[in-house]
Amino acid sequence: MALFTACDFEEINTNPFEMTNEMGIRDGVAIGGAVTAMQRAVVPVGTQADDTEAINQYQVAYNLSADSWCGFFGQNNNWYSGSNNTTYYLQDAWVAATYKNSYTELLSSWKEIRQESEKTGSMEVFALAQILKISAWHKTLETFGPIPYTHAGEPALVIPFDSEKDAFNAMFADLTAAIGRIAALEKDTHTHANKALLDTYDQTNEDLKDAVAKKHSHANKTELDKIAEGDKAKWDAAAAKAHEHANKTELDKIAEGDKANLDAVVAALTVGTF
């Protein structure tokens, strides 16, 4: 019994060559990957490494059905001896490809983003996922009619279908909420200790870069770095004590930039004439 309890099952069952869930949370990698997957599913796209896979997905799911039926495209092939979607003889595999690409392909990524957003409080990311989901699912709704929408992703054996009317109303409500959440980010941008300072800058990249570049870039950097940001009392005290030292009287006689007088003071300090 002691032999079994001594085993670290978590370590044994963790692949050292793969990213763990904890690693995926860092810098938003886990959610970011799911967002990218949803973006690529709204309209099938790929990279050179995917070869013609993305092209084939789009052709079967959309080009050989809706694109052809609306007269936007014509085909130069005669699949299945003419018994195919372009002649209104629907092929089950092609119909399934439309549903898969416009609906199920996004579902798992959307669920993952929703769960992670609820854990981390990153609801603006979920708002983006809502917009991406609706960008694809409205095509499913317009193609197949009623779909699972308001209860999609729930842990249940049977998910009810929503009528087209209910699904569209829910989509508009979700879009309104998502856009509102993302728009609120602009207002939330400067809700931190340095809000008053940063609000003095115009919100452009160049102005913000300038603000960051100038942070403590002055002669008193060492001393000012000791002062906690936002501690006004310490800043005021630092300013008040600017010339509180043994030579205050003499130094106060020197105008800023008066090099000759400054050199004279330094010389006097050196020979001890004060």
C-alpha atoms as a PDB file:
ATOM      1  CA  MET A   1       0.000   0.000   0.000  1.00  0.00           C
ATOM      2  CA  ALA A   2       2.879   2.332   0.851  1.00  0.00           C
ATOM      3  CA  LEU A   3       4.356   1.678  -2.596  1.00  0.00           C
ATOM      4  CA  PHE A   4       1.240   2.966  -4.350  1.00  0.00           C
ATOM      5  CA  THR A   5       0.786   6.033  -2.140  1.00  0.00           C
ATOM      6  CA  ALA A   6       4.404   7.055  -2.710  1.00  0.00           C
ATOM      7  CA  CYS A   7       3.807   7.561  -6.448  1.00  0.00           C
ATOM      8  CA  ASP A   8       3.304  11.082  -7.807  1.00  0.00           C
ATOM      9  CA  PHE A   9       0.484  10.266 -10.216  1.00  0.00           C
ATOM     10  CA  GLU A  10       0.199  13.847 -11.454  1.00  0.00           C
ATOM     11  CA  GLU A  11       3.861  13.922 -12.449  1.00  0.00           C
ATOM     12  CA  ILE A  12       3.697  10.469 -14.028  1.00  0.00           C
ATOM     13  CA  ASN A  13       0.648  11.430 -16.107  1.00  0.00           C
ATOM     14  CA  THR A  14       2.026  14.792 -17.249  1.00  0.00           C
ATOM     15  CA  ASN A  15       3.651  14.849 -20.669  1.00  0.00           C
ATOM     16  CA  PRO A  16       6.922  16.795 -20.209  1.00  0.00           C
ATOM     17  CA  PHE A  17       6.883  17.776 -23.892  1.00  0.00           C
ATOM     18  CA  GLU A  18       3.443  19.392 -23.891  1.00  0.00           C
ATOM     19  CA  MET A  19       2.091  22.617 -22.457  1.00  0.00           C
ATOM     20  CA  THR A  20       0.221  22.207 -19.166  1.00  0.00           C
ATOM     21  CA  ASN A  21      -2.967  24.087 -18.335  1.00  0.00           C
ATOM     22  CA  GLU A  22      -1.010  26.336 -15.969  1.00  0.00           C
ATOM     23  CA  MET A  23       1.456  27.191 -18.721  1.00  0.00           C
ATOM     24  CA  GLY A  24      -1.392  27.917 -21.106  1.00  0.00           C
ATOM     25  CA  ILE A  25      -2.804  30.565 -18.785  1.00  0.00           C
ATOM     26  CA  ARG A  26       0.414  32.592 -18.967  1.00  0.00           C
ATOM     27  CA  ASP A  27       0.110  35.588 -21.272  1.00  0.00           C
ATOM     28  CA  GLY A  28      -3.296  34.368 -22.437  1.00  0.00           C
ATOM     29  CA  VAL A  29      -1.867  31.598 -24.621  1.00  0.00           C
ATOM     30  CA  ALA A  30      -4.686  29.152 -23.878  1.00  0.00           C
ATOM     31  CA  ILE A  31      -7.489  31.599 -24.648  1.00  0.00           C
ATOM     32  CA  GLY A  32      -5.546  33.141 -27.518  1.00  0.00           C
ATOM     33  CA  GLY A  33      -5.251  29.805 -29.285  1.00  0.00           C
ATOM     34  CA  ALA A  34      -8.984  29.221 -29.012  1.00  0.00           C
ATOM     35  CA  VAL A  35      -9.731  32.699 -30.366  1.00  0.00           C
ATOM     36  CA  THR A  36      -7.493  32.040 -33.371  1.00  0.00           C
ATOM     37  CA  ALA A  37      -9.230  28.710 -33.967  1.00  0.00           C
ATOM     38  CA  MET A  38     -12.603  30.464 -33.999  1.00  0.00           C
ATOM     39  CA  GLN A  39     -11.346  33.132 -36.385  1.00  0.00           C
ATOM     40  CA  ARG A  40     -10.150  30.485 -38.819  1.00  0.00           C
ATOM     41  CA  ALA A  41     -13.506  28.723 -38.662  1.00  0.00           C
ATOM     42  CA  VAL A  42     -15.708  31.713 -39.523  1.00  0.00           C
ATOM     43  CA  VAL A  43     -14.427  31.336 -43.088  1.00  0.00           C
ATOM     44  CA  PRO A  44     -12.058  28.381 -43.583  1.00  0.00           C
ATOM     45  CA  VAL A  45      -8.527  29.738 -43.926  1.00  0.00           C
ATOM     46  CA  GLY A  46      -5.121  28.167 -43.562  1.00  0.00           C
ATOM     47  CA  THR A  47      -1.413  28.579 -44.115  1.00  0.00           C
ATOM     48  CA  GLN A  48       0.967  27.200 -46.696  1.00  0.00           C
ATOM     49  CA  ALA A  49       1.529  24.236 -44.405  1.00  0.00           C
ATOM     50  CA  ASP A  50      -2.161  23.306 -44.774  1.00  0.00           C
ATOM     51  CA  ASP A  51      -1.711  22.963 -48.547  1.00  0.00           C
ATOM     52  CA  THR A  52      -5.206  22.899 -50.135  1.00  0.00           C
ATOM     53  CA  GLU A  53      -7.080  21.725 -47.034  1.00  0.00           C
ATOM     54  CA  ALA A  54      -8.695  25.093 -46.257  1.00  0.00           C
ATOM     55  CA  ILE A  55      -9.619  25.577 -49.924  1.00  0.00           C
ATOM     56  CA  ASN A  56     -11.239  22.155 -50.037  1.00  0.00           C
ATOM     57  CA  GLN A  57     -13.174  22.860 -46.838  1.00  0.00           C
ATOM     58  CA  TYR A  58     -14.617  26.068 -48.229  1.00  0.00           C
ATOM     59  CA  GLN A  59     -15.430  24.507 -51.588  1.00  0.00           C
ATOM     60  CA  VAL A  60     -17.379  21.574 -50.164  1.00  0.00           C
ATOM     61  CA  ALA A  61     -19.064  23.515 -47.356  1.00  0.00           C
ATOM     62  CA  TYR A  62     -20.064  26.660 -49.246  1.00  0.00           C
ATOM     63  CA  ASN A  63     -18.914  26.945 -52.850  1.00  0.00           C
ATOM     64  CA  LEU A  64     -20.671  23.794 -54.080  1.00  0.00           C
ATOM     65  CA  SER A  65     -23.937  24.756 -52.440  1.00  0.00           C
ATOM     66  CA  ALA A  66     -24.964  28.313 -51.508  1.00  0.00           C
ATOM     67  CA  ASP A  67     -22.348  30.034 -53.701  1.00  0.00           C
ATOM     68  CA  SER A  68     -23.544  28.098 -56.729  1.00  0.00           C
ATOM     69  CA  TRP A  69     -27.272  28.306 -55.966  1.00  0.00           C
ATOM     70  CA  CYS A  70     -27.215  32.105 -55.722  1.00  0.00           C
ATOM     71  CA  GLY A  71     -25.474  32.342 -59.105  1.00  0.00           C
ATOM     72  CA  PHE A  72     -22.212  33.827 -57.878  1.00  0.00           C
ATOM     73  CA  PHE A  73     -20.125  30.901 -59.148  1.00  0.00           C
ATOM     74  CA  GLY A  74     -20.275  28.218 -61.807  1.00  0.00           C
ATOM     75  CA  GLN A  75     -18.580  24.817 -61.664  1.00  0.00           C
ATOM     76  CA  ASN A  76     -16.498  23.086 -64.319  1.00  0.00           C
ATOM     77  CA  ASN A  77     -16.832  19.577 -62.921  1.00  0.00           C
ATOM     78  CA  ASN A  78     -19.577  16.967 -62.886  1.00  0.00           C
ATOM     79  CA  TRP A  79     -19.275  15.273 -59.510  1.00  0.00           C
ATOM     80  CA  TYR A  80     -21.130  12.003 -58.908  1.00  0.00           C
ATOM     81  CA  SER A  81     -22.219  11.895 -62.559  1.00  0.00           C
ATOM     82  CA  GLY A  82     -24.156  15.124 -62.073  1.00  0.00           C
ATOM     83  CA  SER A  83     -25.944  13.967 -58.921  1.00  0.00           C
ATOM     84  CA  ASN A  84     -24.602  16.608 -56.561  1.00  0.00           C
ATOM     85  CA  ASN A  85     -25.555  19.793 -54.743  1.00  0.00           C
ATOM     86  CA  THR A  86     -25.182  21.999 -57.813  1.00  0.00           C
ATOM     87  CA  THR A  87     -28.045  20.094 -59.462  1.00  0.00           C
ATOM     88  CA  TYR A  88     -30.050  20.033 -56.198  1.00  0.00           C
ATOM     89  CA  TYR A  89     -29.280  16.348 -55.629  1.00  0.00           C
ATOM     90  CA  LEU A  90     -27.886  16.832 -52.157  1.00  0.00           C
ATOM     91  CA  GLN A  91     -24.874  14.805 -51.094  1.00  0.00           C
ATOM     92  CA  ASP A  92     -25.029  13.984 -47.382  1.00  0.00           C
ATOM     93  CA  ALA A  93     -21.271  14.424 -46.903  1.00  0.00           C
ATOM     94  CA  TRP A  94     -21.370  17.886 -48.482  1.00  0.00           C
ATOM     95  CA  VAL A  95     -24.364  18.923 -46.375  1.00  0.00           C
ATOM     96  CA  ALA A  96     -22.617  17.660 -43.231  1.00  0.00           C
ATOM     97  CA  ALA A  97     -19.520  19.679 -44.182  1.00  0.00           C
ATOM     98  CA  THR A  98     -21.583  22.867 -44.242  1.00  0.00           C
ATOM     99  CA  TYR A  99     -22.962  22.186 -40.754  1.00  0.00           C
ATOM    100  CA  LYS A 100     -19.561  21.169 -39.402  1.00  0.00           C
ATOM    101  CA  ASN A 101     -17.705  24.197 -40.749  1.00  0.00           C
ATOM    102  CA  SER A 102     -20.298  26.762 -39.757  1.00  0.00           C
ATOM    103  CA  TYR A 103     -21.380  25.325 -36.386  1.00  0.00           C
ATOM    104  CA  THR A 104     -19.625  22.403 -34.680  1.00  0.00           C
ATOM    105  CA  GLU A 105     -16.113  23.489 -35.683  1.00  0.00           C
ATOM    106  CA  LEU A 106     -16.411  26.534 -33.403  1.00  0.00           C
ATOM    107  CA  LEU A 107     -18.320  25.007 -30.525  1.00  0.00           C
ATOM    108  CA  SER A 108     -15.449  23.500 -28.513  1.00  0.00           C
ATOM    109  CA  SER A 109     -13.274  26.622 -28.827  1.00  0.00           C
ATOM    110  CA  TRP A 110     -16.182  28.854 -27.807  1.00  0.00           C
ATOM    111  CA  LYS A 111     -16.872  26.687 -24.736  1.00  0.00           C
ATOM    112  CA  GLU A 112     -13.204  26.770 -23.767  1.00  0.00           C
ATOM    113  CA  ILE A 113     -13.079  30.573 -23.984  1.00  0.00           C
ATOM    114  CA  ARG A 114     -16.272  30.905 -21.962  1.00  0.00           C
ATOM    115  CA  GLN A 115     -14.930  28.675 -19.183  1.00  0.00           C
ATOM    116  CA  GLU A 116     -11.505  30.365 -19.044  1.00  0.00           C
ATOM    117  CA  SER A 117     -13.047  33.841 -19.181  1.00  0.00           C
ATOM    118  CA  GLU A 118     -15.287  33.050 -16.227  1.00  0.00           C
ATOM    119  CA  LYS A 119     -12.277  31.759 -14.258  1.00  0.00           C
ATOM    120  CA  THR A 120     -10.007  34.713 -15.007  1.00  0.00           C
ATOM    121  CA  GLY A 121     -12.627  37.450 -15.313  1.00  0.00           C
ATOM    122  CA  SER A 122     -11.529  38.226 -18.898  1.00  0.00           C
ATOM    123  CA  MET A 123     -15.063  38.794 -20.127  1.00  0.00           C
ATOM    124  CA  GLU A 124     -13.892  41.076 -22.938  1.00  0.00           C
ATOM    125  CA  VAL A 125     -12.299  37.983 -24.530  1.00  0.00           C
ATOM    126  CA  PHE A 126     -15.586  36.128 -24.225  1.00  0.00           C
ATOM    127  CA  ALA A 127     -17.289  39.126 -25.846  1.00  0.00           C
ATOM    128  CA  LEU A 128     -14.983  38.707 -28.853  1.00  0.00           C
ATOM    129  CA  ALA A 129     -15.771  34.986 -28.899  1.00  0.00           C
ATOM    130  CA  GLN A 130     -19.495  35.799 -28.952  1.00  0.00           C
ATOM    131  CA  ILE A 131     -19.024  37.975 -32.039  1.00  0.00           C
ATOM    132  CA  LEU A 132     -16.982  35.279 -33.799  1.00  0.00           C
ATOM    133  CA  LYS A 133     -19.520  32.605 -32.890  1.00  0.00           C
ATOM    134  CA  ILE A 134     -22.432  34.583 -34.278  1.00  0.00           C
ATOM    135  CA  SER A 135     -20.432  35.403 -37.426  1.00  0.00           C
ATOM    136  CA  ALA A 136     -20.413  31.698 -38.195  1.00  0.00           C
ATOM    137  CA  TRP A 137     -23.603  30.406 -36.585  1.00  0.00           C
ATOM    138  CA  HIS A 138     -25.882  32.808 -38.421  1.00  0.00           C
ATOM    139  CA  LYS A 139     -24.871  30.955 -41.614  1.00  0.00           C
ATOM    140  CA  THR A 140     -25.949  27.674 -40.020  1.00  0.00           C
ATOM    141  CA  LEU A 141     -29.240  29.225 -38.989  1.00  0.00           C
ATOM    142  CA  GLU A 142     -29.937  30.588 -42.469  1.00  0.00           C
ATOM    143  CA  THR A 143     -28.987  27.276 -44.105  1.00  0.00           C
ATOM    144  CA  PHE A 144     -30.609  24.693 -41.850  1.00  0.00           C
ATOM    145  CA  GLY A 145     -33.270  26.576 -39.919  1.00  0.00           C
ATOM    146  CA  PRO A 146     -33.651  25.952 -36.147  1.00  0.00           C
ATOM    147  CA  ILE A 147     -30.365  25.254 -34.312  1.00  0.00           C
ATOM    148  CA  PRO A 148     -29.281  24.858 -30.691  1.00  0.00           C
ATOM    149  CA  TYR A 149     -28.325  28.378 -29.650  1.00  0.00           C
ATOM    150  CA  THR A 150     -29.506  29.647 -26.282  1.00  0.00           C
ATOM    151  CA  HIS A 151     -28.621  26.344 -24.566  1.00  0.00           C
ATOM    152  CA  ALA A 152     -25.586  25.463 -26.694  1.00  0.00           C
ATOM    153  CA  GLY A 153     -22.628  24.174 -24.705  1.00  0.00           C
ATOM    154  CA  GLU A 154     -24.665  23.215 -21.641  1.00  0.00           C
ATOM    155  CA  PRO A 155     -23.802  19.894 -19.923  1.00  0.00           C
ATOM    156  CA  ALA A 156     -26.978  18.053 -20.934  1.00  0.00           C
ATOM    157  CA  LEU A 157     -27.700  14.908 -22.942  1.00  0.00           C
ATOM    158  CA  VAL A 158     -30.331  16.668 -25.048  1.00  0.00           C
ATOM    159  CA  ILE A 159     -29.940  20.294 -26.108  1.00  0.00           C
ATOM    160  CA  PRO A 160     -33.154  21.917 -27.343  1.00  0.00           C
ATOM    161  CA  PHE A 161     -33.291  23.656 -30.719  1.00  0.00           C
ATOM    162  CA  ASP A 162     -34.282  27.323 -30.939  1.00  0.00           C
ATOM    163  CA  SER A 163     -36.620  28.564 -33.633  1.00  0.00           C
ATOM    164  CA  GLU A 164     -35.132  30.909 -36.205  1.00  0.00           C
ATOM    165  CA  LYS A 165     -36.949  33.842 -34.607  1.00  0.00           C
ATOM    166  CA  ASP A 166     -35.717  33.034 -31.102  1.00  0.00           C
ATOM    167  CA  ALA A 167     -32.188  32.324 -32.311  1.00  0.00           C
ATOM    168  CA  PHE A 168     -31.944  35.595 -34.244  1.00  0.00           C
ATOM    169  CA  ASN A 169     -33.317  37.580 -31.295  1.00  0.00           C
ATOM    170  CA  ALA A 170     -30.798  35.919 -29.001  1.00  0.00           C
ATOM    171  CA  MET A 171     -27.988  36.660 -31.465  1.00  0.00           C
ATOM    172  CA  PHE A 172     -28.865  40.342 -31.587  1.00  0.00           C
ATOM    173  CA  ALA A 173     -29.027  40.478 -27.793  1.00  0.00           C
ATOM    174  CA  ASP A 174     -25.636  38.753 -27.488  1.00  0.00           C
ATOM    175  CA  LEU A 175     -24.102  41.050 -30.106  1.00  0.00           C
ATOM    176  CA  THR A 176     -25.365  44.133 -28.281  1.00  0.00           C
ATOM    177  CA  ALA A 177     -23.914  42.887 -24.983  1.00  0.00           C
ATOM    178  CA  ALA A 178     -20.590  41.908 -26.578  1.00  0.00           C
ATOM    179  CA  ILE A 179     -20.152  45.238 -28.362  1.00  0.00           C
ATOM    180  CA  GLY A 180     -21.021  47.082 -25.157  1.00  0.00           C
ATOM    181  CA  ARG A 181     -18.421  45.116 -23.198  1.00  0.00           C
ATOM    182  CA  ILE A 182     -15.679  45.786 -25.738  1.00  0.00           C
ATOM    183  CA  ALA A 183     -16.631  49.468 -26.029  1.00  0.00           C
ATOM    184  CA  ALA A 184     -16.339  49.752 -22.243  1.00  0.00           C
ATOM    185  CA  LEU A 185     -12.640  48.864 -22.505  1.00  0.00           C
ATOM    186  CA  GLU A 186     -11.924  52.383 -23.727  1.00  0.00           C
ATOM    187  CA  LYS A 187     -13.399  53.809 -20.547  1.00  0.00           C
ATOM    188  CA  ASP A 188     -11.563  51.268 -18.385  1.00  0.00           C
ATOM    189  CA  THR A 189      -8.175  51.901 -20.004  1.00  0.00           C
ATOM    190  CA  HIS A 190      -6.896  54.300 -17.318  1.00  0.00           C
ATOM    191  CA  THR A 191      -8.500  52.993 -14.163  1.00  0.00           C
ATOM    192  CA  HIS A 192      -5.253  52.760 -12.164  1.00  0.00           C
ATOM    193  CA  ALA A 193      -3.034  54.756  -9.842  1.00  0.00           C
ATOM    194  CA  ASN A 194      -1.527  56.914 -12.621  1.00  0.00           C
ATOM    195  CA  LYS A 195      -4.852  57.819 -14.276  1.00  0.00           C
ATOM    196  CA  ALA A 196      -4.506  61.562 -13.715  1.00  0.00           C
ATOM    197  CA  LEU A 197      -1.022  61.619 -15.228  1.00  0.00           C
ATOM    198  CA  LEU A 198      -1.800  59.427 -18.228  1.00  0.00           C
ATOM    199  CA  ASP A 199      -4.979  61.335 -18.976  1.00  0.00           C
ATOM    200  CA  THR A 200      -2.818  64.352 -19.784  1.00  0.00           C
ATOM    201  CA  TYR A 201      -1.514  62.532 -22.839  1.00  0.00           C
ATOM    202  CA  ASP A 202      -3.421  62.162 -26.090  1.00  0.00           C
ATOM    203  CA  GLN A 203      -4.278  58.529 -26.633  1.00  0.00           C
ATOM    204  CA  THR A 204      -1.935  57.825 -29.521  1.00  0.00           C
ATOM    205  CA  ASN A 205       0.862  55.326 -29.696  1.00  0.00           C
ATOM    206  CA  GLU A 206       3.508  58.013 -30.040  1.00  0.00           C
ATOM    207  CA  ASP A 207       2.273  59.931 -26.989  1.00  0.00           C
ATOM    208  CA  LEU A 208       2.117  56.805 -24.869  1.00  0.00           C
ATOM    209  CA  LYS A 209       5.586  55.706 -25.993  1.00  0.00           C
ATOM    210  CA  ASP A 210       6.861  59.165 -25.079  1.00  0.00           C
ATOM    211  CA  ALA A 211       5.266  58.924 -21.634  1.00  0.00           C
ATOM    212  CA  VAL A 212       6.843  55.547 -20.980  1.00  0.00           C
ATOM    213  CA  ALA A 213      10.243  56.678 -22.271  1.00  0.00           C
ATOM    214  CA  LYS A 214      10.280  59.689 -19.944  1.00  0.00           C
ATOM    215  CA  LYS A 215       9.492  57.729 -16.788  1.00  0.00           C
ATOM    216  CA  HIS A 216      12.310  58.641 -14.350  1.00  0.00           C
ATOM    217  CA  SER A 217      14.670  59.653 -17.175  1.00  0.00           C
ATOM    218  CA  HIS A 218      16.265  62.529 -15.260  1.00  0.00           C
ATOM    219  CA  ALA A 219      19.118  63.363 -12.928  1.00  0.00           C
ATOM    220  CA  ASN A 220      17.305  62.270  -9.779  1.00  0.00           C
ATOM    221  CA  LYS A 221      16.329  58.838 -11.103  1.00  0.00           C
ATOM    222  CA  THR A 222      18.062  56.927  -8.299  1.00  0.00           C
ATOM    223  CA  GLU A 223      16.300  58.862  -5.567  1.00  0.00           C
ATOM    224  CA  LEU A 224      12.922  58.980  -7.276  1.00  0.00           C
ATOM    225  CA  ASP A 225      12.985  55.233  -7.904  1.00  0.00           C
ATOM    226  CA  LYS A 226      12.914  54.805  -4.132  1.00  0.00           C
ATOM    227  CA  ILE A 227       9.529  56.519  -3.956  1.00  0.00           C
ATOM    228  CA  ALA A 228       6.467  54.331  -4.410  1.00  0.00           C
ATOM    229  CA  GLU A 229       4.299  55.320  -7.348  1.00  0.00           C
ATOM    230  CA  GLY A 230       1.201  57.187  -6.301  1.00  0.00           C
ATOM    231  CA  ASP A 231       2.634  58.203  -2.904  1.00  0.00           C
ATOM    232  CA  LYS A 232       1.996  61.947  -3.184  1.00  0.00           C
ATOM    233  CA  ALA A 233       3.219  62.697   0.315  1.00  0.00           C
ATOM    234  CA  LYS A 234       6.651  61.278  -0.440  1.00  0.00           C
ATOM    235  CA  TRP A 235       6.848  63.164  -3.712  1.00  0.00           C
ATOM    236  CA  ASP A 236       5.989  66.436  -1.962  1.00  0.00           C
ATOM    237  CA  ALA A 237       8.538  65.734   0.743  1.00  0.00           C
ATOM    238  CA  ALA A 238      11.198  65.021  -1.848  1.00  0.00           C
ATOM    239  CA  ALA A 239      10.505  68.333  -3.587  1.00  0.00           C
ATOM    240  CA  ALA A 240      10.595  70.267  -0.295  1.00  0.00           C
ATOM    241  CA  LYS A 241      13.968  68.794   0.645  1.00  0.00           C
ATOM    242  CA  ALA A 242      15.620  69.575  -2.701  1.00  0.00           C
ATOM    243  CA  HIS A 243      18.268  71.877  -1.129  1.00  0.00           C
ATOM    244  CA  GLU A 244      18.201  70.858   2.510  1.00  0.00           C
ATOM    245  CA  HIS A 245      21.917  70.197   2.954  1.00  0.00           C
ATOM    246  CA  ALA A 246      25.004  71.818   4.447  1.00  0.00           C
ATOM    247  CA  ASN A 247      25.644  74.170   1.503  1.00  0.00           C
ATOM    248  CA  LYS A 248      22.019  75.234   0.956  1.00  0.00           C
ATOM    249  CA  THR A 249      22.735  78.965   1.443  1.00  0.00           C
ATOM    250  CA  GLU A 250      25.550  79.053  -1.083  1.00  0.00           C
ATOM    251  CA  LEU A 251      23.881  76.779  -3.609  1.00  0.00           C
ATOM    252  CA  ASP A 252      20.680  78.828  -3.539  1.00  0.00           C
ATOM    253  CA  LYS A 253      22.728  81.795  -4.812  1.00  0.00           C
ATOM    254  CA  ILE A 254      23.569  79.946  -7.994  1.00  0.00           C
ATOM    255  CA  ALA A 255      21.177  80.434 -10.891  1.00  0.00           C
ATOM    256  CA  GLU A 256      20.329  77.313 -12.805  1.00  0.00           C
ATOM    257  CA  GLY A 257      22.701  76.886 -15.707  1.00  0.00           C
ATOM    258  CA  ASP A 258      25.285  79.310 -14.248  1.00  0.00           C
ATOM    259  CA  LYS A 259      28.318  77.148 -14.850  1.00  0.00           C
ATOM    260  CA  ALA A 260      30.898  79.724 -13.782  1.00  0.00           C
ATOM    261  CA  ASN A 261      29.348  80.178 -10.351  1.00  0.00           C
ATOM    262  CA  LEU A 262      28.895  76.438  -9.977  1.00  0.00           C
ATOM    263  CA  ASP A 263      32.535  75.816 -10.819  1.00  0.00           C
ATOM    264  CA  ALA A 264      33.535  78.452  -8.252  1.00  0.00           C
ATOM    265  CA  VAL A 265      31.489  76.703  -5.564  1.00  0.00           C
ATOM    266  CA  VAL A 266      33.025  73.360  -6.430  1.00  0.00           C
ATOM    267  CA  ALA A 267      36.490  74.907  -6.240  1.00  0.00           C
ATOM    268  CA  ALA A 268      35.678  76.515  -2.909  1.00  0.00           C
ATOM    269  CA  LEU A 269      34.431  73.213  -1.536  1.00  0.00           C
ATOM    270  CA  THR A 270      37.664  71.606  -2.676  1.00  0.00           C
ATOM    271  CA  VAL A 271      39.980  74.089  -0.924  1.00  0.00           C
ATOM    272  CA  GLY A 272      37.680  74.509   2.054  1.00  0.00           C
ATOM    273  CA  THR A 273      36.988  78.251   1.841  1.00  0.00           C
ATOM    274  CA  PHE A 274      33.416  77.869   3.229  1.00  0.00           C
END
